[in-house]
Amino acid sequence: MNFLIIESLQKFHHYYGDDFRIECPTGSGRFVSLNEAANELACRLTKIFLADENGTRPVYAHHTRMQSDPHFRDHVLF
């Protein structure tokens, strides 16, 4: 579902161009093009699964075995 939303935003950007701007995130007062909004969503989604500077993944916040066990920590169930 997330992929379809991001892809649709990119296609709408191709049609409307850089002049059409939306507030992203809502209530922030920051206006971006549809392509920039799509990129923002894609970055936020990937950060859920990528390891941070401590080597932990937010997707496994409540699963210590998936974070620390060398047999599991590099297996991303996506």
Protein backbone atom coordinates (compact mmCIF):
# COMPACT_ATOMS: atom_id res chain seq x y z
CA MET A 1 0.00 0.00 0.00
CA ASN A 2 2.81 2.40 0.91
CA PHE A 3 4.55 1.73 -2.40
CA LEU A 4 1.37 2.56 -4.31
CA ILE A 5 0.97 5.87 -2.47
CA ILE A 6 4.57 6.88 -3.13
CA GLU A 7 4.34 5.86 -6.79
CA SER A 8 1.09 7.78 -7.20
CA LEU A 9 2.61 10.92 -5.71
CA GLN A 10 5.50 10.65 -8.16
CA LYS A 11 3.10 10.27 -11.09
CA PHE A 12 1.02 13.25 -9.96
CA HIS A 13 4.25 15.26 -9.68
CA HIS A 14 5.08 14.33 -13.25
CA TYR A 15 1.70 15.76 -14.31
CA TYR A 16 1.47 18.85 -12.04
CA GLY A 17 5.17 19.73 -11.84
CA ASP A 18 7.04 21.68 -9.16
CA ASP A 19 4.47 24.49 -8.98
CA PHE A 20 1.91 22.31 -7.18
CA ARG A 21 2.94 22.23 -3.53
CA ILE A 22 1.50 20.57 -0.45
CA GLU A 23 2.17 20.94 3.25
CA CYS A 24 4.43 18.14 4.47
CA PRO A 25 4.06 17.10 7.22
CA THR A 26 0.55 18.42 7.80
CA GLY A 27 0.53 21.38 10.16
CA SER A 28 4.25 22.09 9.78
CA GLY A 29 3.95 25.14 7.53
CA ARG A 30 6.56 23.60 5.19
CA PHE A 31 5.39 23.28 1.59
CA VAL A 32 7.06 20.85 -0.81
CA SER A 33 6.42 19.45 -4.27
CA LEU A 34 4.69 16.10 -4.64
CA ASN A 35 7.99 14.48 -5.56
CA GLU A 36 9.64 15.80 -2.40
CA ALA A 37 6.68 14.51 -0.36
CA ALA A 38 7.06 11.08 -2.00
CA ASN A 39 10.78 11.08 -1.16
CA GLU A 40 10.04 12.09 2.44
CA LEU A 41 7.61 9.18 2.82
CA ALA A 42 10.07 6.74 1.26
CA CYS A 43 12.85 7.86 3.62
CA ARG A 44 10.59 7.56 6.67
CA LEU A 45 9.53 4.06 5.65
CA THR A 46 13.08 2.83 5.08
CA LYS A 47 14.24 4.21 8.45
CA ILE A 48 11.89 1.75 10.13
CA PHE A 49 13.93 -1.17 8.78
CA LEU A 50 17.47 0.26 8.60
CA ALA A 51 19.87 -0.10 11.51
CA ASP A 52 20.66 3.14 13.36
CA GLU A 53 24.05 4.25 14.73
CA ASN A 54 23.70 1.74 17.60
CA GLY A 55 22.95 -1.11 15.19
CA THR A 56 19.32 -1.45 16.29
CA ARG A 57 16.31 -1.47 13.99
CA PRO A 58 13.10 0.34 15.02
CA VAL A 59 11.01 -2.48 13.54
CA TYR A 60 12.37 -4.78 16.26
CA ALA A 61 12.10 -2.35 19.16
CA HIS A 62 10.37 -4.89 21.42
CA HIS A 63 12.27 -7.99 20.25
CA THR A 64 15.70 -8.12 21.91
CA ARG A 65 16.61 -11.42 20.25
CA MET A 66 16.13 -9.91 16.80
CA GLN A 67 18.32 -6.95 17.85
CA SER A 68 21.22 -8.70 19.53
CA ASP A 69 21.44 -12.34 18.42
CA PRO A 70 24.01 -12.59 15.57
CA HIS A 71 21.87 -15.28 13.91
CA PHE A 72 18.83 -12.99 13.70
CA ARG A 73 19.91 -9.33 13.77
CA ASP A 74 20.64 -9.09 10.03
CA HIS A 75 17.45 -10.85 8.95
CA VAL A 76 14.87 -8.21 8.12
CA LEU A 77 11.40 -9.70 7.80
CA PHE A 78 10.00 -7.41 5.14
